Amino acid sequence: MYALLRTILFQFAPEAVHLWTMRQLDRAYTITPIRFLLKGVYQKKSEHLHRTLWGIDFPNPVGLAAGFDKDAKHIDALACLGFGFIEIGTLTPKAQDGNPKPRLFRLPADKALINRMGFNNGGVDAAVLRLQKRKERIIIGGNIGKNKITPNEEAYKDYEYNVKALHAVVDYFVVNVSSPNTPGLRELQEKEPLMALLHKVQAVNKSMPHPKPVLLKIAPDLTDTQLDDIIDIVAATQIDGIVATNTTIDRSQLQTAKERVEAIGAGGLSGKPVTARATEVIRYIHQKTKGSIPMIAVGGIFTAEDALEKLHAGASLVQVYTGFIYEGPGIVKNICNALLQQNKN
C-alpha cells in the first residue's frame, strides 16, 4: 500500500510533498475515528519495549530524528504513528529562512536524501508556544543550533538562549554542531571550541530547576582521533550522551549517476549510504568507553535488522528519518515487533 503511495509522492518535489503530507496527517488527527484508527494500526505497546535512560521512561526505543518536524508543528499527529519519542529542531533563537530552494533531493537508487536546508525554522519562541498547547503526551527532544548570522565566537549565546527558552517544554537537549549546511558550524566540533560551548550550555542547564539531559550530535565524518576527542569532551563537560550520527558530506558509496550528484551540489547525505558508518561510530565509542556513554543511533535505519544492528553496536535508542520516508509509517511498529520477538528468543 505504502509502496504505491510512495511511487506517486516521489513524482513531486520532496519539500512540497513533505508539507502536503503533514497537512493531511494533521487533518486526519482532528477526526476522532481516524485518530483512533491511526493509533490502533501503528502503535505497539508493551512493557518489554520500555527503556529508561537519564531518568526518562521511553515507551519504546524508536524515535523520530530531528529535521522532520523542525518547528514542532505536527507533534500530536506524529505521536499517533507509534514513536517512542520525537526530536524537534534544529531550532535557532531567531527565525530564519534557511538556504534557497530547491534544497532537498531524493536519490532513490541509493535509498538516500541530500539536504541543505540550512536550519530553516520559525524561531525557538514560536516552537515553545506550540509545545505548550500540544495534546499528546510524548517525550520531546529539543535539537538546538545557532543562527547563520551569529559568528562562531558568539555561538554560545544562541545555544544558551535556546536552553532557557525550551527548558520547560522538552525532556532532553541535543546540541547540534555537526550539520554541514550552516557555514562554519562544523568548526565548533573542534576540541577547544566544543569544550567551551558545552561547558556554557551545561552551566545554563544546571542553573535551571530540574536540569535536563544534554546530548551532543556528531558527524559521521569524524576520524578516530576526533572521536577520541569527543569522548574526552563528554567526560570533561559531563554531558549525558551522544546522538550518532548526523548527515555526511561523503559521496563515495553512491550508485546514483555522478552527473546527477554533481548537479545537486552541496548538502548532507542521509539514508542507506550512512548505515555502515553510523554503526562504526557507535561501536567505536561504545567499545572505547566500555559502554559508559549512552547513545541515540540515527543514520540509515530502514529495517528492524538495521535498528537491531545499531542497538547491538551499543546504542540505547534509535531514530529514523530517511527510512521513515522510504519505508512509511509502519517502520516503527516493525522495529518494535522485532524487539519483542528477540525478547522471546
Protein backbone atom coordinates (compact mmCIF):
# COMPACT_ATOMS: atom_id res chain seq x y z
CA MET A 1 0.00 0.00 0.00
CA TYR A 2 2.66 2.49 1.05
CA ALA A 3 4.90 1.44 -1.86
CA LEU A 4 2.21 2.61 -4.29
CA LEU A 5 1.68 5.87 -2.40
CA ARG A 6 5.43 6.47 -2.33
CA THR A 7 5.64 5.99 -6.10
CA ILE A 8 3.04 8.71 -6.55
CA LEU A 9 4.53 11.09 -3.98
CA PHE A 10 8.03 10.70 -5.40
CA GLN A 11 6.79 12.29 -8.63
CA PHE A 12 6.69 15.64 -6.85
CA ALA A 13 9.27 17.93 -5.25
CA PRO A 14 10.41 16.50 -1.90
CA GLU A 15 9.88 19.59 0.23
CA ALA A 16 6.43 20.23 -1.24
CA VAL A 17 5.46 16.59 -0.62
CA HIS A 18 6.61 16.84 2.99
CA LEU A 19 4.45 19.90 3.62
CA TRP A 20 1.45 18.34 1.88
CA THR A 21 1.63 15.01 3.71
CA MET A 22 2.00 16.73 7.08
CA ARG A 23 -1.08 18.83 6.36
CA GLN A 24 -3.05 15.69 5.54
CA LEU A 25 -1.84 13.94 8.68
CA ASP A 26 -2.77 16.97 10.81
CA ARG A 27 -6.25 16.99 9.28
CA ALA A 28 -6.64 13.26 9.91
CA TYR A 29 -5.70 13.82 13.55
CA THR A 30 -8.63 16.22 14.04
CA ILE A 31 -11.13 13.49 13.05
CA THR A 32 -11.61 11.35 16.16
CA PRO A 33 -12.30 7.97 14.48
CA ILE A 34 -9.31 8.38 12.16
CA ARG A 35 -7.09 9.43 15.07
CA PHE A 36 -8.00 6.26 16.97
CA LEU A 37 -7.54 4.20 13.81
CA LEU A 38 -4.02 5.57 13.30
CA LYS A 39 -3.10 4.76 16.88
CA GLY A 40 -4.58 1.29 16.58
CA VAL A 41 -2.73 0.49 13.36
CA TYR A 42 0.69 1.99 14.10
CA GLN A 43 1.24 1.99 17.86
CA LYS A 44 2.76 -1.01 19.61
CA LYS A 45 2.54 -1.06 23.40
CA SER A 46 4.33 -3.47 25.66
CA GLU A 47 6.20 -3.18 28.94
CA HIS A 48 9.03 -5.10 27.24
CA LEU A 49 9.59 -2.17 24.87
CA HIS A 50 10.17 0.38 27.64
CA ARG A 51 13.65 1.82 28.04
CA THR A 52 14.74 4.01 30.95
CA LEU A 53 17.50 6.45 30.17
CA TRP A 54 18.53 9.62 32.03
CA GLY A 55 15.61 9.01 34.35
CA ILE A 56 13.17 9.18 31.41
CA ASP A 57 10.81 6.29 30.68
CA PHE A 58 10.71 5.82 26.91
CA PRO A 59 7.65 3.69 25.96
CA ASN A 60 9.72 2.23 23.12
CA PRO A 61 13.23 2.91 21.79
CA VAL A 62 12.26 4.14 18.30
CA GLY A 63 12.20 7.92 17.83
CA LEU A 64 11.76 10.41 15.03
CA ALA A 65 15.01 12.22 14.27
CA ALA A 66 15.44 15.98 14.22
CA GLY A 67 14.77 17.73 10.93
CA PHE A 68 11.42 16.12 10.19
CA ASP A 69 9.33 18.35 12.46
CA LYS A 70 11.66 21.28 12.90
CA ASP A 71 9.08 23.68 14.32
CA ALA A 72 7.04 21.27 16.48
CA LYS A 73 4.03 21.85 14.23
CA HIS A 74 2.97 18.22 13.89
CA ILE A 75 3.73 16.62 17.27
CA ASP A 76 0.20 15.45 18.01
CA ALA A 77 -0.34 13.84 14.62
CA LEU A 78 3.10 12.21 14.52
CA ALA A 79 2.61 10.85 18.04
CA CYS A 80 -0.16 8.63 16.65
CA LEU A 81 2.35 6.74 14.50
CA GLY A 82 3.97 4.84 17.34
CA PHE A 83 7.15 6.78 18.01
CA GLY A 84 8.62 6.42 21.48
CA PHE A 85 9.91 9.99 21.28
CA ILE A 86 10.19 12.87 18.84
CA GLU A 87 13.14 15.21 18.43
CA ILE A 88 12.23 18.66 17.15
CA GLY A 89 14.52 21.20 15.52
CA THR A 90 17.08 22.18 14.76
CA LEU A 91 15.79 25.38 16.37
CA THR A 92 17.58 28.72 16.47
CA PRO A 93 16.85 31.83 18.58
CA LYS A 94 15.68 33.89 15.61
CA ALA A 95 13.52 32.70 12.74
CA GLN A 96 15.44 32.13 9.51
CA ASP A 97 14.51 31.01 6.01
CA GLY A 98 17.38 28.60 5.51
CA ASN A 99 19.05 28.08 2.16
CA PRO A 100 17.46 28.83 -1.24
CA LYS A 101 15.20 26.19 -2.78
CA PRO A 102 15.47 23.55 -4.09
CA ARG A 103 17.36 22.21 -1.08
CA LEU A 104 16.04 18.67 -0.61
CA PHE A 105 16.73 15.91 -3.11
CA ARG A 106 15.93 12.20 -3.38
CA LEU A 107 18.38 9.55 -4.55
CA PRO A 108 16.06 6.53 -4.94
CA ALA A 109 18.77 4.26 -6.32
CA ASP A 110 20.62 4.71 -3.03
CA LYS A 111 17.59 4.99 -0.74
CA ALA A 112 19.02 8.32 0.26
CA LEU A 113 18.35 12.04 0.56
CA ILE A 114 20.59 15.04 0.16
CA ASN A 115 19.54 18.16 2.02
CA ARG A 116 20.95 21.61 2.50
CA MET A 117 18.02 23.07 4.41
CA GLY A 118 20.19 25.38 6.49
CA PHE A 119 18.32 25.35 9.83
CA ASN A 120 15.14 26.78 8.32
CA ASN A 121 12.76 27.36 11.25
CA GLY A 122 10.39 29.88 12.74
CA GLY A 123 12.48 30.51 15.83
CA VAL A 124 12.56 28.80 19.19
CA ASP A 125 9.96 31.00 20.90
CA ALA A 126 7.26 30.09 18.37
CA ALA A 127 8.02 26.39 18.86
CA VAL A 128 7.72 26.78 22.63
CA LEU A 129 4.18 28.16 22.25
CA ARG A 130 3.18 25.16 20.14
CA LEU A 131 4.66 22.69 22.60
CA GLN A 132 2.74 24.31 25.44
CA LYS A 133 -0.50 23.61 23.55
CA ARG A 134 0.12 20.03 22.43
CA LYS A 135 -2.42 17.39 23.35
CA GLU A 136 -0.46 14.14 23.08
CA ARG A 137 1.95 13.17 25.84
CA ILE A 138 5.13 12.07 24.11
CA ILE A 139 8.78 12.53 25.02
CA ILE A 140 10.28 15.51 23.22
CA GLY A 141 13.93 16.20 22.48
CA GLY A 142 14.99 19.74 21.64
CA ASN A 143 17.69 19.93 18.96
CA ILE A 144 19.35 23.35 19.13
CA GLY A 145 21.70 25.32 16.89
CA LYS A 146 22.92 28.79 16.09
CA ASN A 147 21.60 31.34 13.62
CA LYS A 148 23.54 31.63 10.38
CA ILE A 149 24.40 35.30 11.08
CA THR A 150 25.81 34.52 14.53
CA PRO A 151 29.63 34.34 14.44
CA ASN A 152 31.15 31.21 15.95
CA GLU A 153 32.77 33.15 18.79
CA GLU A 154 29.28 34.20 19.91
CA ALA A 155 27.54 30.91 19.13
CA TYR A 156 27.29 30.03 22.82
CA LYS A 157 24.80 32.87 23.30
CA ASP A 158 22.41 31.24 20.80
CA TYR A 159 22.68 27.84 22.49
CA GLU A 160 22.17 29.40 25.93
CA TYR A 161 19.07 31.24 24.68
CA ASN A 162 17.64 28.01 23.26
CA VAL A 163 18.20 26.10 26.51
CA LYS A 164 16.43 28.76 28.57
CA ALA A 165 13.53 29.01 26.11
CA LEU A 166 12.92 25.27 25.73
CA HIS A 167 13.72 24.08 29.22
CA ALA A 168 10.17 23.74 30.46
CA VAL A 169 8.77 22.04 27.34
CA VAL A 170 11.35 19.40 26.32
CA ASP A 171 12.69 16.30 28.03
CA TYR A 172 16.26 16.45 26.73
CA PHE A 173 18.52 18.68 24.64
CA VAL A 174 20.70 17.89 21.65
CA VAL A 175 23.50 20.33 20.80
CA ASN A 176 23.90 20.34 17.02
CA VAL A 177 27.30 21.47 15.78
CA SER A 178 27.54 18.80 13.08
CA SER A 179 25.20 19.95 10.31
CA PRO A 180 27.13 20.59 7.07
CA ASN A 181 24.58 23.17 5.90
CA THR A 182 25.40 26.18 8.09
CA PRO A 183 28.71 27.79 7.06
CA GLY A 184 31.44 27.26 9.65
CA LEU A 185 29.22 25.31 12.06
CA ARG A 186 31.30 22.13 11.97
CA GLU A 187 34.31 24.16 13.14
CA LEU A 188 32.61 24.11 16.53
CA GLN A 189 33.25 20.35 16.65
CA GLU A 190 36.95 21.02 17.19
CA LYS A 191 38.06 20.17 20.70
CA GLU A 192 38.62 23.59 22.30
CA PRO A 193 35.57 25.46 20.95
CA LEU A 194 33.30 22.45 21.58
CA MET A 195 34.57 22.06 25.13
CA ALA A 196 33.92 25.74 25.81
CA LEU A 197 30.45 25.63 24.23
CA LEU A 198 29.31 22.57 26.16
CA HIS A 199 30.58 23.97 29.46
CA LYS A 200 28.43 27.06 28.88
CA VAL A 201 25.39 25.00 27.88
CA GLN A 202 25.81 22.86 30.97
CA ALA A 203 26.16 25.91 33.22
CA VAL A 204 22.85 27.33 31.97
CA ASN A 205 21.12 23.94 32.10
CA LYS A 206 22.23 23.28 35.67
CA SER A 207 21.12 26.74 36.77
CA MET A 208 17.53 25.84 35.81
CA PRO A 209 15.10 23.94 38.04
CA HIS A 210 15.34 20.22 37.23
CA PRO A 211 18.25 20.19 34.72
CA LYS A 212 17.59 18.19 31.57
CA PRO A 213 19.89 15.65 29.87
CA VAL A 214 22.23 17.26 27.34
CA LEU A 215 23.42 15.26 24.32
CA LEU A 216 25.82 16.09 21.51
CA LYS A 217 25.05 15.23 17.88
CA ILE A 218 28.17 14.31 15.95
CA ALA A 219 29.05 13.91 12.28
CA PRO A 220 29.84 10.53 10.71
CA ASP A 221 32.85 12.11 9.01
CA LEU A 222 34.96 12.35 12.17
CA THR A 223 38.24 10.42 12.31
CA ASP A 224 39.04 8.07 15.17
CA THR A 225 41.28 10.76 16.65
CA GLN A 226 38.40 13.22 16.55
CA LEU A 227 36.09 10.63 18.10
CA ASP A 228 38.65 10.23 20.90
CA ASP A 229 38.42 14.00 21.39
CA ILE A 230 34.63 13.75 21.57
CA ILE A 231 34.93 11.06 24.25
CA ASP A 232 37.28 13.32 26.25
CA ILE A 233 34.89 16.25 25.85
CA VAL A 234 31.90 14.24 27.05
CA ALA A 235 33.84 13.25 30.16
CA ALA A 236 35.14 16.77 30.84
CA THR A 237 31.80 18.53 30.38
CA GLN A 238 29.74 15.74 31.96
CA ILE A 239 27.08 15.87 29.27
CA ASP A 240 24.72 12.93 29.23
CA GLY A 241 25.19 11.27 25.86
CA ILE A 242 25.73 11.35 22.11
CA VAL A 243 23.50 11.25 19.05
CA ALA A 244 25.37 9.40 16.30
CA THR A 245 25.25 10.43 13.55
CA ASN A 246 24.28 13.46 11.50
CA THR A 247 24.37 13.53 7.70
CA THR A 248 27.60 13.00 5.79
CA ILE A 249 29.41 15.01 3.12
CA ASP A 250 30.94 11.81 1.72
CA ARG A 251 29.65 10.77 -1.72
CA SER A 252 31.97 7.83 -2.37
CA GLN A 253 29.46 4.98 -1.93
CA LEU A 254 26.65 6.23 -4.17
CA GLN A 255 25.06 4.28 -7.02
CA THR A 256 23.33 7.38 -8.41
CA ALA A 257 24.99 8.76 -11.55
CA LYS A 258 27.90 11.05 -10.76
CA GLU A 259 26.47 13.73 -13.03
CA ARG A 260 23.22 13.76 -11.06
CA VAL A 261 25.05 14.00 -7.73
CA GLU A 262 27.25 16.83 -9.00
CA ALA A 263 24.20 18.67 -10.34
CA ILE A 264 22.57 18.51 -6.90
CA GLY A 265 25.63 20.03 -5.30
CA ALA A 266 26.37 20.58 -1.62
CA GLY A 267 24.39 19.16 1.25
CA GLY A 268 24.22 16.45 3.86
CA LEU A 269 23.63 12.88 2.67
CA SER A 270 21.33 10.64 4.73
CA GLY A 271 19.86 7.18 4.30
CA LYS A 272 21.33 3.81 3.38
CA PRO A 273 24.79 5.13 2.42
CA VAL A 274 25.27 6.24 6.05
CA THR A 275 24.15 2.94 7.63
CA ALA A 276 27.55 1.28 7.97
CA ARG A 277 29.50 4.36 9.03
CA ALA A 278 26.96 5.36 11.70
CA THR A 279 27.19 1.86 13.14
CA GLU A 280 31.00 2.02 13.08
CA VAL A 281 30.97 5.28 15.04
CA ILE A 282 28.59 3.86 17.65
CA ARG A 283 30.61 0.66 18.02
CA TYR A 284 33.89 2.59 18.32
CA ILE A 285 32.60 4.88 21.05
CA HIS A 286 30.87 2.04 22.88
CA GLN A 287 33.97 -0.14 22.91
CA LYS A 288 36.34 2.72 23.72
CA THR A 289 34.25 3.83 26.70
CA LYS A 290 33.13 0.34 27.79
CA GLY A 291 29.55 1.45 27.27
CA SER A 292 29.72 4.38 29.68
CA ILE A 293 28.26 6.95 27.24
CA PRO A 294 24.58 6.46 26.36
CA MET A 295 23.92 6.89 22.64
CA ILE A 296 20.97 7.50 20.35
CA ALA A 297 21.64 5.94 16.96
CA VAL A 298 20.49 7.60 13.75
CA GLY A 299 21.67 7.01 10.21
CA GLY A 300 20.38 4.61 7.60
CA ILE A 301 17.82 2.74 9.68
CA PHE A 302 15.28 1.26 7.25
CA THR A 303 14.51 -2.17 8.68
CA ALA A 304 14.18 -3.89 12.01
CA GLU A 305 17.55 -5.52 11.28
CA ASP A 306 19.15 -2.08 10.83
CA ALA A 307 17.79 -0.97 14.20
CA LEU A 308 18.91 -4.15 15.95
CA GLU A 309 22.39 -3.74 14.48
CA LYS A 310 22.64 -0.25 15.99
CA LEU A 311 21.39 -1.47 19.37
CA HIS A 312 23.82 -4.39 19.35
CA ALA A 313 26.66 -1.98 18.46
CA GLY A 314 25.99 -0.06 21.68
CA ALA A 315 23.12 2.34 21.14
CA SER A 316 20.34 2.59 23.73
CA LEU A 317 17.76 4.19 21.44
CA VAL A 318 17.34 4.64 17.69
CA GLN A 319 15.87 7.34 15.46
CA VAL A 320 14.54 7.23 11.91
CA TYR A 321 14.21 9.92 9.27
CA THR A 322 15.09 8.90 5.71
CA GLY A 323 13.96 5.33 6.43
CA PHE A 324 10.61 6.71 7.58
CA ILE A 325 10.20 8.49 4.24
CA TYR A 326 11.16 5.47 2.14
CA GLU A 327 9.52 2.74 4.22
CA GLY A 328 6.47 4.57 5.56
CA PRO A 329 4.86 4.86 8.99
CA GLY A 330 4.88 1.09 9.54
CA ILE A 331 8.64 1.23 10.20
CA VAL A 332 8.21 1.96 13.91
CA LYS A 333 5.87 -0.96 14.59
CA ASN A 334 8.07 -3.29 12.51
CA ILE A 335 11.09 -2.45 14.68
CA CYS A 336 9.09 -2.81 17.88
CA ASN A 337 7.76 -6.20 16.79
CA ALA A 338 11.30 -7.38 16.04
CA LEU A 339 12.45 -6.28 19.50
CA LEU A 340 9.59 -8.18 21.12
CA GLN A 341 10.37 -11.26 19.05
CA GLN A 342 14.01 -11.04 20.13
CA ASN A 343 12.91 -10.94 23.76
CA LYS A 344 11.02 -14.21 23.24
CA ASN A 345 14.01 -15.97 21.67
